[in-house]
Amino acid sequence: MASGTADEYVFVPLVNDVNYEYNGKTLTLRKNSTPIEIKILGNKHITKINKNNNRIDINNILVLTGYAINENSLGLVHTLDPCDYVKGILVNGETTPLLVYLNKKFLFPKLK
């Protein structure tokens, strides 16, 4: 699919011991000292995150079966075991080519 006819989404795993920072244009994941940045392309996220007072509600969490997380890189590892799974969110964004191991890209046709 051509990039003009599809919206691009990045799978961001939800993992303990990772700090998630969002400033409106960039989502930054920090584990230890190495930050991973995801450039936000628009506001057409599949996952909806709302802040209610001191509580954060996350809707439309994606669960990928047959995958595990590499603890060092936060990348997805295909295990072929249907009992393994990773929970995450889908954001309308992109990573640099060097961080391809972090995500699975999803392309959805643009709605008119």
C-alpha atoms as a PDB file:
ATOM      1  CA  MET A   1       0.000   0.000   0.000  1.00  0.00           C
ATOM      2  CA  ALA A   2       1.234   3.475  -0.763  1.00  0.00           C
ATOM      3  CA  SER A   3       1.767   5.740   2.209  1.00  0.00           C
ATOM      4  CA  GLY A   4      -0.782   8.229   0.841  1.00  0.00           C
ATOM      5  CA  THR A   5      -3.587   5.665   0.994  1.00  0.00           C
ATOM      6  CA  ALA A   6      -2.965   4.184   4.451  1.00  0.00           C
ATOM      7  CA  ASP A   7      -2.507   5.326   8.030  1.00  0.00           C
ATOM      8  CA  GLU A   8       0.595   3.945   9.787  1.00  0.00           C
ATOM      9  CA  TYR A   9       0.407   2.601  13.341  1.00  0.00           C
ATOM     10  CA  VAL A  10       3.081   1.435  15.759  1.00  0.00           C
ATOM     11  CA  PHE A  11       2.566  -1.291  18.366  1.00  0.00           C
ATOM     12  CA  VAL A  12       3.929  -0.072  21.710  1.00  0.00           C
ATOM     13  CA  PRO A  13       4.205  -2.832  24.348  1.00  0.00           C
ATOM     14  CA  LEU A  14       2.912  -2.146  27.860  1.00  0.00           C
ATOM     15  CA  VAL A  15       5.661  -3.392  30.167  1.00  0.00           C
ATOM     16  CA  ASN A  16       6.445  -2.956  33.861  1.00  0.00           C
ATOM     17  CA  ASP A  17       9.608  -0.971  34.663  1.00  0.00           C
ATOM     18  CA  VAL A  18       9.214   1.229  31.553  1.00  0.00           C
ATOM     19  CA  ASN A  19       8.484   4.951  31.844  1.00  0.00           C
ATOM     20  CA  TYR A  20       6.154   6.300  29.123  1.00  0.00           C
ATOM     21  CA  GLU A  21       6.296  10.059  28.416  1.00  0.00           C
ATOM     22  CA  TYR A  22       4.003  11.790  25.918  1.00  0.00           C
ATOM     23  CA  ASN A  23       4.368  15.438  24.911  1.00  0.00           C
ATOM     24  CA  GLY A  24       1.899  15.621  22.006  1.00  0.00           C
ATOM     25  CA  LYS A  25       4.413  15.081  19.190  1.00  0.00           C
ATOM     26  CA  THR A  26       6.616  12.338  20.617  1.00  0.00           C
ATOM     27  CA  LEU A  27       6.008   9.249  22.752  1.00  0.00           C
ATOM     28  CA  THR A  28       9.202   8.367  24.640  1.00  0.00           C
ATOM     29  CA  LEU A  29       9.799   4.994  26.294  1.00  0.00           C
ATOM     30  CA  ARG A  30      12.587   4.845  28.875  1.00  0.00           C
ATOM     31  CA  LYS A  31      14.014   1.690  30.365  1.00  0.00           C
ATOM     32  CA  ASN A  32      17.315   2.099  32.150  1.00  0.00           C
ATOM     33  CA  SER A  33      19.037   4.975  30.336  1.00  0.00           C
ATOM     34  CA  THR A  34      18.217   4.362  26.665  1.00  0.00           C
ATOM     35  CA  PRO A  35      15.189   6.325  25.401  1.00  0.00           C
ATOM     36  CA  ILE A  36      13.116   5.076  22.475  1.00  0.00           C
ATOM     37  CA  GLU A  37      11.193   7.782  20.625  1.00  0.00           C
ATOM     38  CA  ILE A  38       8.080   7.372  18.482  1.00  0.00           C
ATOM     39  CA  LYS A  39       7.101  10.312  16.299  1.00  0.00           C
ATOM     40  CA  ILE A  40       3.342  10.883  16.471  1.00  0.00           C
ATOM     41  CA  LEU A  41       1.904  11.394  12.980  1.00  0.00           C
ATOM     42  CA  GLY A  42      -1.651  12.386  13.868  1.00  0.00           C
ATOM     43  CA  ASN A  43      -4.467  11.959  16.341  1.00  0.00           C
ATOM     44  CA  LYS A  44      -6.037   8.859  14.776  1.00  0.00           C
ATOM     45  CA  HIS A  45      -4.857   6.397  17.442  1.00  0.00           C
ATOM     46  CA  ILE A  46      -6.598   3.026  17.702  1.00  0.00           C
ATOM     47  CA  THR A  47      -5.962   3.005  21.453  1.00  0.00           C
ATOM     48  CA  LYS A  48      -7.698   5.770  23.394  1.00  0.00           C
ATOM     49  CA  ILE A  49      -6.077   7.074  26.591  1.00  0.00           C
ATOM     50  CA  ASN A  50      -8.005   9.407  28.887  1.00  0.00           C
ATOM     51  CA  LYS A  51      -6.904  11.004  32.145  1.00  0.00           C
ATOM     52  CA  ASN A  52      -9.588  11.205  34.847  1.00  0.00           C
ATOM     53  CA  ASN A  53      -8.240  13.022  37.931  1.00  0.00           C
ATOM     54  CA  ASN A  54      -5.431  10.750  39.199  1.00  0.00           C
ATOM     55  CA  ARG A  55      -6.523   7.765  37.108  1.00  0.00           C
ATOM     56  CA  ILE A  56      -5.657   6.873  33.509  1.00  0.00           C
ATOM     57  CA  ASP A  57      -8.143   4.879  31.432  1.00  0.00           C
ATOM     58  CA  ILE A  58      -6.805   2.936  28.436  1.00  0.00           C
ATOM     59  CA  ASN A  59      -9.306   1.600  25.879  1.00  0.00           C
ATOM     60  CA  ASN A  60      -8.676  -0.752  22.941  1.00  0.00           C
ATOM     61  CA  ILE A  61      -5.549  -2.545  24.157  1.00  0.00           C
ATOM     62  CA  LEU A  62      -4.167  -4.945  21.548  1.00  0.00           C
ATOM     63  CA  VAL A  63      -2.990  -8.437  22.564  1.00  0.00           C
ATOM     64  CA  LEU A  64      -0.542 -10.213  20.234  1.00  0.00           C
ATOM     65  CA  THR A  65      -0.384 -13.962  20.809  1.00  0.00           C
ATOM     66  CA  GLY A  66       2.705 -15.970  19.948  1.00  0.00           C
ATOM     67  CA  TYR A  67       5.055 -13.154  20.998  1.00  0.00           C
ATOM     68  CA  ALA A  68       7.217 -12.259  23.994  1.00  0.00           C
ATOM     69  CA  ILE A  69       9.211  -9.127  24.866  1.00  0.00           C
ATOM     70  CA  ASN A  70      12.990  -8.833  24.734  1.00  0.00           C
ATOM     71  CA  GLU A  71      13.696  -7.234  28.126  1.00  0.00           C
ATOM     72  CA  ASN A  72      16.714  -5.249  26.863  1.00  0.00           C
ATOM     73  CA  SER A  73      15.428  -3.814  23.570  1.00  0.00           C
ATOM     74  CA  LEU A  74      11.663  -3.933  24.291  1.00  0.00           C
ATOM     75  CA  GLY A  75      11.342  -5.599  20.888  1.00  0.00           C
ATOM     76  CA  LEU A  76       8.883  -8.331  20.027  1.00  0.00           C
ATOM     77  CA  VAL A  77      10.187 -11.892  19.794  1.00  0.00           C
ATOM     78  CA  HIS A  78       8.112 -14.389  17.812  1.00  0.00           C
ATOM     79  CA  THR A  79       7.826 -17.536  19.963  1.00  0.00           C
ATOM     80  CA  LEU A  80       5.258 -19.588  17.982  1.00  0.00           C
ATOM     81  CA  ASP A  81       3.712 -20.538  21.359  1.00  0.00           C
ATOM     82  CA  PRO A  82       0.015 -19.565  21.455  1.00  0.00           C
ATOM     83  CA  CYS A  83       0.241 -19.259  25.242  1.00  0.00           C
ATOM     84  CA  ASP A  84       2.752 -16.372  24.993  1.00  0.00           C
ATOM     85  CA  TYR A  85       1.262 -12.922  24.568  1.00  0.00           C
ATOM     86  CA  VAL A  86       2.142  -9.235  24.739  1.00  0.00           C
ATOM     87  CA  LYS A  87      -0.272  -6.421  25.580  1.00  0.00           C
ATOM     88  CA  GLY A  88       0.214  -3.041  23.968  1.00  0.00           C
ATOM     89  CA  ILE A  89      -1.284   0.037  22.409  1.00  0.00           C
ATOM     90  CA  LEU A  90      -1.561   1.169  18.779  1.00  0.00           C
ATOM     91  CA  VAL A  91      -0.569   4.767  18.076  1.00  0.00           C
ATOM     92  CA  ASN A  92      -0.618   6.678  14.800  1.00  0.00           C
ATOM     93  CA  GLY A  93       3.139   7.164  14.463  1.00  0.00           C
ATOM     94  CA  GLU A  94       6.505   5.934  13.254  1.00  0.00           C
ATOM     95  CA  THR A  95       9.925   5.017  14.609  1.00  0.00           C
ATOM     96  CA  THR A  96      13.306   5.482  13.014  1.00  0.00           C
ATOM     97  CA  PRO A  97      14.489   2.558  10.834  1.00  0.00           C
ATOM     98  CA  LEU A  98      17.032   1.636  13.529  1.00  0.00           C
ATOM     99  CA  LEU A  99      14.192   0.850  15.931  1.00  0.00           C
ATOM    100  CA  VAL A 100      12.302  -1.575  13.703  1.00  0.00           C
ATOM    101  CA  TYR A 101      12.758  -4.285  16.355  1.00  0.00           C
ATOM    102  CA  LEU A 102      10.522  -2.279  18.734  1.00  0.00           C
ATOM    103  CA  ASN A 103       7.314  -2.462  16.808  1.00  0.00           C
ATOM    104  CA  LYS A 104       5.106  -4.196  14.387  1.00  0.00           C
ATOM    105  CA  LYS A 105       3.782  -1.767  11.804  1.00  0.00           C
ATOM    106  CA  PHE A 106       0.110  -1.854  10.966  1.00  0.00           C
ATOM    107  CA  LEU A 107      -1.355  -0.124   7.924  1.00  0.00           C
ATOM    108  CA  PHE A 108      -5.065   0.626   7.716  1.00  0.00           C
ATOM    109  CA  PRO A 109      -6.773   2.149   4.656  1.00  0.00           C
ATOM    110  CA  LYS A 110      -7.694   5.796   5.155  1.00  0.00           C
ATOM    111  CA  LEU A 111     -11.399   6.375   5.576  1.00  0.00           C
ATOM    112  CA  LYS A 112     -12.981   9.017   3.376  1.00  0.00           C
END
